[in-house]
Amino acid sequence: MAEASRAAEASPRTERRSSLAGGRRLVVVALLLAVLIAVLVRSLVLEVFYIPSGSMEPTLMPGDRLAVWRLGEEEPQRGEIVVFDGKGSLAPYESGKGVLAEAAGVAGAWLGVAPRDDVFVKRVIGVAGDRVSCCEADGRLSVNGEPVDEPYVMPGDAPSEVSFDVVVPEGRMWVQGDHRSASYDSRELLGAPGGGMIRSDAIIGRPVAVLWPLDRMGSVGD
């Protein structure tokens, strides 16, 4: 009888332990699935980038964490803000960093806490077939002979302190930062191979929102 009683008492304890173990397994599986989904979303749909400089002020500020939508194959439009891979244009193909430093940089960028030296965010000023020049008699930049109003340019900045007159070839775009006096952009490559034109297929995505800091959280205005 005593043995039967002990067996009866042990049975609920065993079931409870089994239930707790099963619950822990479910939690672990749920966490792994959440991590996998997050990785897939970050890799295929939505990326986060850290803004290290003031080249896009006042639209984007240094320290902003920017959500970038990766989907879509449509061509860039004039006036649109894009994030693009600058290797071979605004950045060298090889960073010159060691393997560990390169891996740390990629990890920091993936977490949205460090900038990427080869990724840039700029505004599209001209697309394939456009003639972009600066500056008109009134000081404005023009596209296809039409002066362009640019309310997004940093107050006090000229549309460009560098004169240029370019025609954008197929598959390319001409980009500039909103803070024209502090932006490293297409103008820096005048006279270089490609003439400052950035490949349209280098676009990583389009910014949709500022995620951090909290006082700047919201959609990215054009």
N, C-alpha and C. Protein backbone atom coordinates (compact mmCIF):
# COMPACT_ATOMS: atom_id res chain seq x y z
N MET A 1 0.83 -1.20 0.00
CA MET A 1 0.00 0.00 0.00
C MET A 1 0.87 1.26 0.00
N ALA A 2 1.95 1.20 0.85
CA ALA A 2 2.84 2.35 0.93
C ALA A 2 3.50 2.63 -0.41
N GLU A 3 3.94 1.53 -1.07
CA GLU A 3 4.57 1.69 -2.38
C GLU A 3 3.59 2.25 -3.39
N ALA A 4 2.36 1.81 -3.34
CA ALA A 4 1.34 2.31 -4.25
C ALA A 4 1.07 3.79 -4.01
N SER A 5 1.08 4.19 -2.72
CA SER A 5 0.84 5.60 -2.38
C SER A 5 1.98 6.47 -2.90
N ARG A 6 3.25 5.97 -2.69
CA ARG A 6 4.39 6.76 -3.18
C ARG A 6 4.35 6.87 -4.70
N ALA A 7 3.97 5.81 -5.37
CA ALA A 7 3.88 5.84 -6.83
C ALA A 7 2.82 6.82 -7.29
N ALA A 8 1.71 6.87 -6.56
CA ALA A 8 0.63 7.80 -6.91
C ALA A 8 1.06 9.24 -6.73
N GLU A 9 1.90 9.50 -5.65
CA GLU A 9 2.38 10.86 -5.41
C GLU A 9 3.42 11.26 -6.47
N ALA A 10 4.25 10.28 -6.84
CA ALA A 10 5.31 10.57 -7.81
C ALA A 10 4.76 10.87 -9.19
N SER A 11 3.67 10.25 -9.53
CA SER A 11 3.12 10.42 -10.87
C SER A 11 2.78 11.87 -11.19
N PRO A 12 2.06 12.63 -10.31
CA PRO A 12 1.79 14.04 -10.61
C PRO A 12 3.07 14.86 -10.71
N ARG A 13 4.09 14.54 -9.82
CA ARG A 13 5.34 15.30 -9.88
C ARG A 13 6.04 15.08 -11.22
N THR A 14 6.04 13.84 -11.67
CA THR A 14 6.64 13.51 -12.96
C THR A 14 5.93 14.24 -14.09
N GLU A 15 4.61 14.28 -14.00
CA GLU A 15 3.85 14.97 -15.04
C GLU A 15 4.14 16.46 -15.04
N ARG A 16 4.29 17.03 -13.79
CA ARG A 16 4.58 18.47 -13.71
C ARG A 16 5.95 18.77 -14.31
N ARG A 17 6.97 17.91 -13.95
CA ARG A 17 8.30 18.11 -14.52
C ARG A 17 8.28 17.99 -16.04
N SER A 18 7.56 17.02 -16.52
CA SER A 18 7.44 16.83 -17.96
C SER A 18 6.77 18.03 -18.62
N SER A 19 5.75 18.55 -17.93
CA SER A 19 5.03 19.71 -18.47
C SER A 19 5.93 20.94 -18.51
N LEU A 20 6.72 21.14 -17.41
CA LEU A 20 7.64 22.28 -17.37
C LEU A 20 8.72 22.17 -18.45
N ALA A 21 9.24 20.96 -18.61
CA ALA A 21 10.26 20.74 -19.66
C ALA A 21 9.69 21.02 -21.03
N GLY A 22 8.45 20.54 -21.25
CA GLY A 22 7.80 20.81 -22.53
C GLY A 22 7.56 22.29 -22.75
N GLY A 23 7.20 23.01 -21.67
CA GLY A 23 7.00 24.46 -21.78
C GLY A 23 8.28 25.19 -22.13
N ARG A 24 9.39 24.75 -21.48
CA ARG A 24 10.68 25.38 -21.77
C ARG A 24 11.08 25.14 -23.22
N ARG A 25 10.84 23.93 -23.71
CA ARG A 25 11.16 23.64 -25.10
C ARG A 25 10.37 24.53 -26.04
N LEU A 26 9.08 24.74 -25.72
CA LEU A 26 8.24 25.60 -26.56
C LEU A 26 8.77 27.03 -26.58
N VAL A 27 9.22 27.51 -25.40
CA VAL A 27 9.77 28.87 -25.32
C VAL A 27 11.03 28.99 -26.17
N VAL A 28 11.91 27.98 -26.06
CA VAL A 28 13.15 27.99 -26.84
C VAL A 28 12.84 27.98 -28.34
N VAL A 29 11.91 27.12 -28.75
CA VAL A 29 11.53 27.04 -30.16
C VAL A 29 10.94 28.36 -30.62
N ALA A 30 10.08 28.97 -29.78
CA ALA A 30 9.47 30.25 -30.14
C ALA A 30 10.53 31.34 -30.30
N LEU A 31 11.51 31.35 -29.40
CA LEU A 31 12.59 32.34 -29.49
C LEU A 31 13.42 32.14 -30.75
N LEU A 32 13.74 30.88 -31.04
CA LEU A 32 14.51 30.59 -32.26
C LEU A 32 13.74 31.02 -33.50
N LEU A 33 12.44 30.76 -33.53
CA LEU A 33 11.62 31.17 -34.68
C LEU A 33 11.59 32.69 -34.79
N ALA A 34 11.48 33.37 -33.64
CA ALA A 34 11.45 34.84 -33.66
C ALA A 34 12.76 35.39 -34.21
N VAL A 35 13.89 34.80 -33.77
CA VAL A 35 15.20 35.24 -34.27
C VAL A 35 15.30 34.98 -35.77
N LEU A 36 14.86 33.80 -36.21
CA LEU A 36 14.92 33.46 -37.64
C LEU A 36 14.07 34.42 -38.47
N ILE A 37 12.88 34.73 -37.99
CA ILE A 37 12.00 35.67 -38.70
C ILE A 37 12.65 37.05 -38.76
N ALA A 38 13.24 37.48 -37.63
CA ALA A 38 13.89 38.79 -37.60
C ALA A 38 15.04 38.86 -38.60
N VAL A 39 15.84 37.78 -38.67
CA VAL A 39 16.96 37.73 -39.61
C VAL A 39 16.46 37.79 -41.05
N LEU A 40 15.40 37.03 -41.34
CA LEU A 40 14.86 37.03 -42.70
C LEU A 40 14.30 38.40 -43.07
N VAL A 41 13.59 39.03 -42.12
CA VAL A 41 13.02 40.35 -42.39
C VAL A 41 14.14 41.35 -42.65
N ARG A 42 15.19 41.33 -41.78
CA ARG A 42 16.30 42.25 -41.94
C ARG A 42 17.07 41.99 -43.24
N SER A 43 17.14 40.75 -43.65
CA SER A 43 17.91 40.40 -44.85
C SER A 43 17.15 40.66 -46.14
N LEU A 44 15.83 40.49 -46.10
CA LEU A 44 15.06 40.50 -47.34
C LEU A 44 14.08 41.66 -47.47
N VAL A 45 13.62 42.22 -46.36
CA VAL A 45 12.53 43.19 -46.43
C VAL A 45 12.91 44.55 -45.87
N LEU A 46 13.34 44.59 -44.62
CA LEU A 46 13.56 45.86 -43.94
C LEU A 46 14.95 45.88 -43.33
N GLU A 47 15.71 46.92 -43.64
CA GLU A 47 17.06 47.06 -43.11
C GLU A 47 17.10 48.28 -42.20
N VAL A 48 18.07 48.32 -41.31
CA VAL A 48 18.24 49.48 -40.43
C VAL A 48 19.64 50.03 -40.65
N PHE A 49 19.72 51.34 -40.87
CA PHE A 49 21.02 51.98 -41.08
C PHE A 49 21.20 53.14 -40.12
N TYR A 50 22.44 53.32 -39.73
CA TYR A 50 22.84 54.40 -38.82
C TYR A 50 23.36 55.57 -39.65
N ILE A 51 22.87 56.77 -39.39
CA ILE A 51 23.30 57.96 -40.13
C ILE A 51 24.48 58.58 -39.39
N PRO A 52 25.70 58.54 -39.95
CA PRO A 52 26.87 58.99 -39.20
C PRO A 52 27.20 60.47 -39.38
N SER A 53 26.67 61.11 -40.43
CA SER A 53 27.11 62.47 -40.75
C SER A 53 25.91 63.38 -40.98
N GLY A 54 26.23 64.65 -41.21
CA GLY A 54 25.18 65.63 -41.44
C GLY A 54 24.93 65.92 -42.90
N SER A 55 25.32 65.01 -43.79
CA SER A 55 25.21 65.29 -45.23
C SER A 55 23.77 65.39 -45.73
N MET A 56 22.81 64.86 -44.95
CA MET A 56 21.41 64.95 -45.37
C MET A 56 20.59 65.86 -44.46
N GLU A 57 21.26 66.66 -43.65
CA GLU A 57 20.52 67.64 -42.84
C GLU A 57 19.82 68.64 -43.75
N PRO A 58 18.67 69.15 -43.37
CA PRO A 58 17.94 68.92 -42.12
C PRO A 58 16.97 67.73 -42.20
N THR A 59 16.93 67.02 -43.33
CA THR A 59 15.98 65.91 -43.47
C THR A 59 16.33 64.77 -42.53
N LEU A 60 17.60 64.37 -42.50
CA LEU A 60 18.10 63.32 -41.63
C LEU A 60 19.25 63.88 -40.81
N MET A 61 19.32 63.47 -39.55
CA MET A 61 20.30 64.03 -38.64
C MET A 61 21.34 62.97 -38.24
N PRO A 62 22.56 63.41 -37.88
CA PRO A 62 23.55 62.46 -37.39
C PRO A 62 23.01 61.69 -36.19
N GLY A 63 23.20 60.37 -36.19
CA GLY A 63 22.70 59.55 -35.10
C GLY A 63 21.34 58.94 -35.35
N ASP A 64 20.66 59.37 -36.41
CA ASP A 64 19.36 58.76 -36.73
C ASP A 64 19.55 57.29 -37.10
N ARG A 65 18.61 56.46 -36.62
CA ARG A 65 18.53 55.07 -37.08
C ARG A 65 17.40 55.01 -38.08
N LEU A 66 17.72 54.60 -39.27
CA LEU A 66 16.80 54.71 -40.40
C LEU A 66 16.30 53.35 -40.85
N ALA A 67 14.99 53.18 -40.90
CA ALA A 67 14.40 51.95 -41.44
C ALA A 67 14.32 52.09 -42.95
N VAL A 68 14.87 51.10 -43.65
CA VAL A 68 14.96 51.15 -45.11
C VAL A 68 14.23 49.96 -45.70
N TRP A 69 13.25 50.23 -46.55
CA TRP A 69 12.45 49.19 -47.19
C TRP A 69 13.20 48.66 -48.40
N ARG A 70 13.46 47.35 -48.42
CA ARG A 70 14.29 46.76 -49.46
C ARG A 70 13.50 46.27 -50.67
N LEU A 71 12.19 46.13 -50.55
CA LEU A 71 11.40 45.56 -51.64
C LEU A 71 11.20 46.57 -52.76
N GLY A 72 10.95 46.06 -53.96
CA GLY A 72 10.63 46.92 -55.08
C GLY A 72 11.76 47.00 -56.08
N GLU A 73 11.41 46.87 -57.34
CA GLU A 73 12.38 46.92 -58.42
C GLU A 73 12.21 48.17 -59.28
N GLU A 74 11.31 49.07 -58.86
CA GLU A 74 11.05 50.24 -59.68
C GLU A 74 12.26 51.17 -59.71
N GLU A 75 12.39 51.89 -60.80
CA GLU A 75 13.51 52.81 -60.97
C GLU A 75 13.37 53.99 -60.01
N PRO A 76 14.51 54.57 -59.60
CA PRO A 76 14.44 55.73 -58.70
C PRO A 76 13.77 56.92 -59.38
N GLN A 77 13.13 57.74 -58.60
CA GLN A 77 12.46 58.93 -59.11
C GLN A 77 13.19 60.18 -58.64
N ARG A 78 13.11 61.22 -59.44
CA ARG A 78 13.70 62.50 -59.03
C ARG A 78 13.10 62.95 -57.70
N GLY A 79 13.96 63.45 -56.83
CA GLY A 79 13.52 63.94 -55.54
C GLY A 79 13.41 62.88 -54.46
N GLU A 80 13.58 61.61 -54.84
CA GLU A 80 13.44 60.51 -53.89
C GLU A 80 14.75 60.33 -53.12
N ILE A 81 14.63 59.95 -51.86
CA ILE A 81 15.80 59.62 -51.05
C ILE A 81 16.05 58.12 -51.18
N VAL A 82 17.30 57.77 -51.43
CA VAL A 82 17.65 56.35 -51.58
C VAL A 82 18.89 56.03 -50.76
N VAL A 83 18.97 54.77 -50.34
CA VAL A 83 20.17 54.24 -49.70
C VAL A 83 20.82 53.30 -50.71
N PHE A 84 22.11 53.44 -50.94
CA PHE A 84 22.75 52.65 -51.98
C PHE A 84 24.14 52.20 -51.57
N ASP A 85 24.58 51.15 -52.22
CA ASP A 85 25.93 50.61 -52.04
C ASP A 85 26.88 51.47 -52.88
N GLY A 86 27.82 52.12 -52.22
CA GLY A 86 28.70 53.04 -52.92
C GLY A 86 30.02 52.45 -53.36
N LYS A 87 30.18 51.14 -53.22
CA LYS A 87 31.45 50.53 -53.65
C LYS A 87 31.65 50.73 -55.15
N GLY A 88 32.80 51.23 -55.50
CA GLY A 88 33.11 51.46 -56.90
C GLY A 88 32.71 52.84 -57.38
N SER A 89 32.04 53.61 -56.52
CA SER A 89 31.69 54.98 -56.88
C SER A 89 32.15 55.93 -55.78
N LEU A 90 31.37 56.11 -54.74
CA LEU A 90 31.76 57.00 -53.64
C LEU A 90 32.67 56.31 -52.64
N ALA A 91 32.82 55.00 -52.75
CA ALA A 91 33.70 54.24 -51.86
C ALA A 91 34.51 53.26 -52.69
N PRO A 92 35.72 52.90 -52.23
CA PRO A 92 36.53 51.92 -52.97
C PRO A 92 35.91 50.53 -52.89
N TYR A 93 36.26 49.69 -53.84
CA TYR A 93 35.78 48.31 -53.81
C TYR A 93 36.29 47.57 -52.58
N GLU A 94 37.52 47.84 -52.17
CA GLU A 94 38.11 47.20 -51.01
C GLU A 94 38.31 48.25 -49.92
N SER A 95 37.86 47.93 -48.69
CA SER A 95 37.96 48.90 -47.60
C SER A 95 39.37 49.03 -47.06
N GLY A 96 40.19 47.98 -47.25
CA GLY A 96 41.53 48.01 -46.70
C GLY A 96 41.60 47.60 -45.24
N LYS A 97 40.46 47.29 -44.64
CA LYS A 97 40.43 46.85 -43.25
C LYS A 97 40.75 45.37 -43.16
N GLY A 98 41.17 44.95 -41.99
CA GLY A 98 41.40 43.53 -41.75
C GLY A 98 40.09 42.78 -41.68
N VAL A 99 40.19 41.45 -41.70
CA VAL A 99 38.99 40.61 -41.69
C VAL A 99 38.17 40.82 -40.44
N LEU A 100 38.83 40.88 -39.27
CA LEU A 100 38.10 41.05 -38.01
C LEU A 100 37.43 42.42 -37.94
N ALA A 101 38.15 43.45 -38.35
CA ALA A 101 37.57 44.80 -38.34
C ALA A 101 36.38 44.89 -39.29
N GLU A 102 36.52 44.24 -40.44
CA GLU A 102 35.43 44.24 -41.42
C GLU A 102 34.21 43.52 -40.85
N ALA A 103 34.43 42.37 -40.20
CA ALA A 103 33.33 41.61 -39.62
C ALA A 103 32.66 42.39 -38.50
N ALA A 104 33.45 43.06 -37.66
CA ALA A 104 32.88 43.86 -36.57
C ALA A 104 32.05 45.01 -37.13
N GLY A 105 32.54 45.63 -38.20
CA GLY A 105 31.79 46.71 -38.82
C GLY A 105 30.47 46.25 -39.40
N VAL A 106 30.48 45.10 -40.06
CA VAL A 106 29.25 44.55 -40.63
C VAL A 106 28.26 44.21 -39.52
N ALA A 107 28.75 43.62 -38.43
CA ALA A 107 27.88 43.26 -37.31
C ALA A 107 27.27 44.51 -36.67
N GLY A 108 28.09 45.53 -36.47
CA GLY A 108 27.59 46.77 -35.89
C GLY A 108 26.56 47.44 -36.78
N ALA A 109 26.81 47.42 -38.08
CA ALA A 109 25.85 48.00 -39.02
C ALA A 109 24.55 47.21 -39.03
N TRP A 110 24.65 45.87 -38.96
CA TRP A 110 23.45 45.03 -38.95
C TRP A 110 22.59 45.32 -37.74
N LEU A 111 23.24 45.60 -36.60
CA LEU A 111 22.51 45.92 -35.38
C LEU A 111 22.03 47.37 -35.36
N GLY A 112 22.46 48.16 -36.34
CA GLY A 112 22.02 49.55 -36.40
C GLY A 112 22.72 50.46 -35.42
N VAL A 113 23.93 50.07 -34.95
CA VAL A 113 24.64 50.89 -33.97
C VAL A 113 25.94 51.46 -34.52
N ALA A 114 26.26 51.14 -35.76
CA ALA A 114 27.49 51.65 -36.37
C ALA A 114 27.24 51.92 -37.85
N PRO A 115 27.95 52.90 -38.42
CA PRO A 115 27.76 53.20 -39.83
C PRO A 115 28.50 52.23 -40.73
N ARG A 116 28.09 52.17 -41.99
CA ARG A 116 28.79 51.43 -43.02
C ARG A 116 29.55 52.43 -43.88
N ASP A 117 30.84 52.20 -44.07
CA ASP A 117 31.64 53.12 -44.86
C ASP A 117 31.29 53.10 -46.33
N ASP A 118 30.67 52.00 -46.77
CA ASP A 118 30.38 51.85 -48.20
C ASP A 118 28.90 52.00 -48.53
N VAL A 119 28.10 52.46 -47.58
CA VAL A 119 26.67 52.66 -47.81
C VAL A 119 26.35 54.13 -47.61
N PHE A 120 25.58 54.69 -48.55
CA PHE A 120 25.30 56.13 -48.53
C PHE A 120 23.80 56.36 -48.66
N VAL A 121 23.35 57.48 -48.10
CA VAL A 121 21.97 57.91 -48.28
C VAL A 121 22.01 59.31 -48.90
N LYS A 122 21.38 59.45 -50.05
CA LYS A 122 21.37 60.71 -50.79
C LYS A 122 20.01 60.91 -51.45
N ARG A 123 19.84 62.09 -52.03
CA ARG A 123 18.62 62.39 -52.77
C ARG A 123 18.89 62.30 -54.27
N VAL A 124 17.98 61.66 -54.98
CA VAL A 124 18.12 61.54 -56.43
C VAL A 124 17.74 62.87 -57.08
N ILE A 125 18.67 63.44 -57.82
CA ILE A 125 18.43 64.71 -58.50
C ILE A 125 18.15 64.50 -59.97
N GLY A 126 18.84 63.53 -60.58
CA GLY A 126 18.62 63.24 -61.99
C GLY A 126 18.61 61.75 -62.25
N VAL A 127 17.76 61.33 -63.18
CA VAL A 127 17.67 59.92 -63.57
C VAL A 127 18.04 59.79 -65.04
N ALA A 128 18.01 58.56 -65.56
CA ALA A 128 18.45 58.30 -66.93
C ALA A 128 17.81 59.25 -67.94
N GLY A 129 18.65 59.87 -68.75
CA GLY A 129 18.17 60.78 -69.79
C GLY A 129 18.12 62.23 -69.36
N ASP A 130 18.22 62.52 -68.07
CA ASP A 130 18.14 63.89 -67.58
C ASP A 130 19.44 64.64 -67.81
N ARG A 131 19.31 65.92 -68.12
CA ARG A 131 20.46 66.82 -68.12
C ARG A 131 20.37 67.66 -66.85
N VAL A 132 21.36 67.52 -65.99
CA VAL A 132 21.38 68.22 -64.70
C VAL A 132 22.52 69.23 -64.73
N SER A 133 22.21 70.47 -64.37
CA SER A 133 23.25 71.49 -64.39
C SER A 133 23.05 72.47 -63.24
N CYS A 134 24.14 73.13 -62.92
CA CYS A 134 24.11 74.14 -61.87
C CYS A 134 25.27 75.11 -62.12
N CYS A 135 25.01 76.37 -62.03
CA CYS A 135 23.71 76.85 -61.54
C CYS A 135 23.14 77.87 -62.51
N GLU A 136 21.82 78.07 -62.45
CA GLU A 136 21.15 79.05 -63.30
C GLU A 136 21.49 80.47 -62.82
N ALA A 137 21.03 81.45 -63.59
CA ALA A 137 21.30 82.84 -63.24
C ALA A 137 20.75 83.20 -61.86
N ASP A 138 19.64 82.53 -61.49
CA ASP A 138 19.05 82.81 -60.18
C ASP A 138 19.64 81.93 -59.08
N GLY A 139 20.67 81.14 -59.44
CA GLY A 139 21.36 80.32 -58.44
C GLY A 139 20.78 78.95 -58.26
N ARG A 140 19.68 78.64 -58.95
CA ARG A 140 19.06 77.33 -58.76
C ARG A 140 19.67 76.28 -59.68
N LEU A 141 19.55 75.04 -59.26
CA LEU A 141 19.92 73.89 -60.07
C LEU A 141 18.80 73.66 -61.09
N SER A 142 19.15 73.12 -62.25
CA SER A 142 18.13 72.86 -63.25
C SER A 142 18.20 71.42 -63.74
N VAL A 143 17.06 70.88 -64.11
CA VAL A 143 16.96 69.55 -64.71
C VAL A 143 16.22 69.71 -66.04
N ASN A 144 16.87 69.31 -67.11
CA ASN A 144 16.31 69.44 -68.47
C ASN A 144 15.90 70.88 -68.77
N GLY A 145 16.74 71.81 -68.30
CA GLY A 145 16.52 73.23 -68.58
C GLY A 145 15.52 73.91 -67.68
N GLU A 146 14.89 73.18 -66.78
CA GLU A 146 13.89 73.76 -65.88
C GLU A 146 14.47 73.93 -64.48
N PRO A 147 14.50 75.17 -63.95
CA PRO A 147 15.00 75.38 -62.59
C PRO A 147 14.17 74.56 -61.59
N VAL A 148 14.85 74.04 -60.60
CA VAL A 148 14.21 73.16 -59.62
C VAL A 148 14.15 73.85 -58.26
N ASP A 149 12.95 73.88 -57.67
CA ASP A 149 12.82 74.36 -56.29
C ASP A 149 13.21 73.22 -55.36
N GLU A 150 14.08 73.51 -54.42
CA GLU A 150 14.58 72.48 -53.50
C GLU A 150 14.41 72.93 -52.05
N PRO A 151 13.19 72.82 -51.52
CA PRO A 151 12.94 73.27 -50.15
C PRO A 151 13.65 72.43 -49.10
N TYR A 152 14.14 71.26 -49.50
CA TYR A 152 14.80 70.36 -48.56
C TYR A 152 16.26 70.71 -48.33
N VAL A 153 16.84 71.61 -49.14
CA VAL A 153 18.25 71.97 -49.00
C VAL A 153 18.47 72.70 -47.67
N MET A 154 19.59 72.41 -47.03
CA MET A 154 19.94 73.03 -45.76
C MET A 154 19.88 74.56 -45.86
N PRO A 155 19.12 75.21 -44.98
CA PRO A 155 19.05 76.68 -45.02
C PRO A 155 20.44 77.31 -44.98
N GLY A 156 20.66 78.25 -45.89
CA GLY A 156 21.95 78.91 -45.97
C GLY A 156 22.89 78.30 -46.98
N ASP A 157 22.59 77.08 -47.44
CA ASP A 157 23.42 76.42 -48.44
C ASP A 157 23.00 76.83 -49.85
N ALA A 158 23.99 76.95 -50.74
CA ALA A 158 23.70 77.11 -52.16
C ALA A 158 23.37 75.73 -52.73
N PRO A 159 22.59 75.67 -53.83
CA PRO A 159 22.31 74.38 -54.46
C PRO A 159 23.58 73.60 -54.78
N SER A 160 24.64 74.32 -55.13
CA SER A 160 25.96 73.70 -55.31
C SER A 160 27.00 74.81 -55.42
N GLU A 161 28.13 74.59 -54.78
CA GLU A 161 29.24 75.52 -54.92
C GLU A 161 30.17 75.10 -56.06
N VAL A 162 29.84 73.94 -56.65
CA VAL A 162 30.59 73.42 -57.79
C VAL A 162 29.70 73.49 -59.03
N SER A 163 30.18 74.06 -60.09
CA SER A 163 29.41 74.12 -61.33
C SER A 163 29.51 72.79 -62.06
N PHE A 164 28.42 72.37 -62.69
CA PHE A 164 28.45 71.13 -63.46
C PHE A 164 27.33 71.15 -64.50
N ASP A 165 27.49 70.34 -65.50
CA ASP A 165 26.49 70.18 -66.56
C ASP A 165 26.66 68.77 -67.10
N VAL A 166 25.76 67.88 -66.69
CA VAL A 166 25.92 66.46 -67.01
C VAL A 166 24.63 65.89 -67.59
N VAL A 167 24.78 64.82 -68.35
CA VAL A 167 23.64 64.06 -68.85
C VAL A 167 23.73 62.66 -68.24
N VAL A 168 22.65 62.22 -67.62
CA VAL A 168 22.65 60.94 -66.91
C VAL A 168 22.38 59.80 -67.89
N PRO A 169 23.29 58.84 -68.01
CA PRO A 169 23.08 57.73 -68.94
C PRO A 169 22.11 56.69 -68.38
N GLU A 170 21.73 55.76 -69.22
CA GLU A 170 20.81 54.68 -68.82
C GLU A 170 21.41 53.88 -67.66
N GLY A 171 20.55 53.54 -66.70
CA GLY A 171 20.99 52.72 -65.59
C GLY A 171 21.77 53.46 -64.53
N ARG A 172 21.75 54.79 -64.60
CA ARG A 172 22.51 55.60 -63.64
C ARG A 172 21.62 56.68 -63.02
N MET A 173 22.15 57.32 -61.99
CA MET A 173 21.44 58.44 -61.36
C MET A 173 22.46 59.44 -60.83
N TRP A 174 22.03 60.68 -60.72
CA TRP A 174 22.86 61.74 -60.15
C TRP A 174 22.28 62.05 -58.78
N VAL A 175 23.13 61.99 -57.74
CA VAL A 175 22.64 62.16 -56.37
C VAL A 175 23.40 63.26 -55.66
N GLN A 176 22.70 63.93 -54.73
CA GLN A 176 23.33 64.94 -53.89
C GLN A 176 22.69 64.88 -52.50
N GLY A 177 23.46 65.29 -51.50
CA GLY A 177 22.92 65.39 -50.16
C GLY A 177 22.16 66.68 -49.98
N ASP A 178 21.27 66.73 -49.01
CA ASP A 178 20.49 67.95 -48.75
C ASP A 178 21.35 69.04 -48.12
N HIS A 179 22.37 68.63 -47.37
CA HIS A 179 23.31 69.61 -46.80
C HIS A 179 24.45 69.75 -47.80
N ARG A 180 24.21 70.57 -48.82
CA ARG A 180 25.08 70.60 -49.99
C ARG A 180 26.53 70.95 -49.66
N SER A 181 26.75 71.80 -48.67
CA SER A 181 28.12 72.21 -48.35
C SER A 181 28.86 71.16 -47.52
N ALA A 182 28.16 70.10 -47.10
CA ALA A 182 28.78 69.07 -46.25
C ALA A 182 28.54 67.67 -46.80
N SER A 183 28.21 67.57 -48.08
CA SER A 183 27.85 66.27 -48.66
C SER A 183 28.88 65.80 -49.67
N TYR A 184 29.31 64.55 -49.49
CA TYR A 184 30.17 63.88 -50.45
C TYR A 184 29.25 63.09 -51.38
N ASP A 185 29.12 63.56 -52.62
CA ASP A 185 28.12 62.98 -53.51
C ASP A 185 28.61 62.99 -54.96
N SER A 186 27.68 62.95 -55.92
CA SER A 186 28.06 62.85 -57.32
C SER A 186 29.01 63.94 -57.77
N ARG A 187 28.91 65.11 -57.17
CA ARG A 187 29.76 66.23 -57.58
C ARG A 187 31.24 65.95 -57.34
N GLU A 188 31.54 65.08 -56.35
CA GLU A 188 32.93 64.77 -56.03
C GLU A 188 33.59 63.92 -57.11
N LEU A 189 32.78 63.32 -57.98
CA LEU A 189 33.32 62.39 -58.98
C LEU A 189 33.36 62.98 -60.38
N LEU A 190 33.11 64.25 -60.50
CA LEU A 190 33.21 64.89 -61.81
C LEU A 190 34.63 64.71 -62.35
N GLY A 191 34.73 64.22 -63.57
CA GLY A 191 36.03 63.98 -64.17
C GLY A 191 36.59 62.59 -63.91
N ALA A 192 35.97 61.86 -62.97
CA ALA A 192 36.39 60.48 -62.70
C ALA A 192 35.64 59.54 -63.63
N PRO A 193 36.09 58.30 -63.78
CA PRO A 193 35.34 57.33 -64.59
C PRO A 193 33.90 57.24 -64.10
N GLY A 194 32.96 57.36 -65.01
CA GLY A 194 31.55 57.35 -64.62
C GLY A 194 30.99 58.73 -64.40
N GLY A 195 31.87 59.72 -64.22
CA GLY A 195 31.44 61.11 -64.14
C GLY A 195 30.46 61.43 -63.04
N GLY A 196 30.54 60.73 -61.92
CA GLY A 196 29.65 61.02 -60.79
C GLY A 196 28.33 60.29 -60.83
N MET A 197 28.15 59.46 -61.85
CA MET A 197 26.88 58.74 -61.97
C MET A 197 26.89 57.47 -61.12
N ILE A 198 25.88 57.30 -60.31
CA ILE A 198 25.75 56.14 -59.43
C ILE A 198 24.85 55.11 -60.12
N ARG A 199 25.22 53.84 -60.06
CA ARG A 199 24.42 52.80 -60.68
C ARG A 199 23.06 52.67 -59.98
N SER A 200 22.01 52.65 -60.76
CA SER A 200 20.67 52.49 -60.18
C SER A 200 20.50 51.12 -59.52
N ASP A 201 21.20 50.10 -60.05
CA ASP A 201 21.07 48.77 -59.46
C ASP A 201 21.86 48.62 -58.16
N ALA A 202 22.54 49.71 -57.73
CA ALA A 202 23.23 49.69 -56.44
C ALA A 202 22.31 50.11 -55.29
N ILE A 203 21.08 50.49 -55.63
CA ILE A 203 20.15 50.91 -54.59
C ILE A 203 19.82 49.73 -53.67
N ILE A 204 19.97 49.95 -52.38
CA ILE A 204 19.62 48.95 -51.38
C ILE A 204 18.14 49.07 -51.02
N GLY A 205 17.66 50.28 -50.90
CA GLY A 205 16.26 50.47 -50.55
C GLY A 205 15.92 51.93 -50.38
N ARG A 206 14.71 52.16 -49.93
CA ARG A 206 14.20 53.51 -49.74
C ARG A 206 13.85 53.71 -48.28
N PRO A 207 14.30 54.82 -47.67
CA PRO A 207 14.00 55.06 -46.26
C PRO A 207 12.50 55.27 -46.05
N VAL A 208 11.98 54.66 -45.00
CA VAL A 208 10.55 54.82 -44.70
C VAL A 208 10.31 55.49 -43.36
N ALA A 209 11.26 55.38 -42.41
CA ALA A 209 11.01 55.95 -41.09
C ALA A 209 12.32 56.11 -40.32
N VAL A 210 12.31 57.09 -39.43
CA VAL A 210 13.36 57.21 -38.42
C VAL A 210 12.89 56.46 -37.19
N LEU A 211 13.69 55.49 -36.74
CA LEU A 211 13.32 54.66 -35.60
C LEU A 211 13.89 55.19 -34.29
N TRP A 212 14.97 55.94 -34.37
CA TRP A 212 15.65 56.44 -33.18
C TRP A 212 16.45 57.67 -33.57
N PRO A 213 16.54 58.68 -32.70
CA PRO A 213 16.03 58.77 -31.34
C PRO A 213 14.52 58.96 -31.28
N LEU A 214 13.96 58.74 -30.10
CA LEU A 214 12.51 58.74 -29.95
C LEU A 214 11.88 60.08 -30.33
N ASP A 215 12.59 61.18 -30.05
CA ASP A 215 11.98 62.48 -30.36
C ASP A 215 11.96 62.79 -31.85
N ARG A 216 12.61 61.93 -32.65
CA ARG A 216 12.56 62.11 -34.10
C ARG A 216 11.86 60.96 -34.80
N MET A 217 11.30 60.05 -34.02
CA MET A 217 10.64 58.89 -34.61
C MET A 217 9.49 59.34 -35.51
N GLY A 218 9.44 58.76 -36.70
CA GLY A 218 8.37 59.08 -37.63
C GLY A 218 8.78 58.81 -39.05
N SER A 219 7.87 59.03 -39.98
CA SER A 219 8.15 58.77 -41.38
C SER A 219 9.16 59.77 -41.93
N VAL A 220 9.84 59.34 -42.99
CA VAL A 220 10.83 60.21 -43.63
C VAL A 220 10.13 61.03 -44.69
N GLY A 221 10.14 62.33 -44.53
CA GLY A 221 9.49 63.18 -45.50
C GLY A 221 10.38 63.42 -46.69
N ASP A 222 9.77 63.64 -47.84
CA ASP A 222 10.52 63.93 -49.05
C ASP A 222 10.85 65.42 -49.13
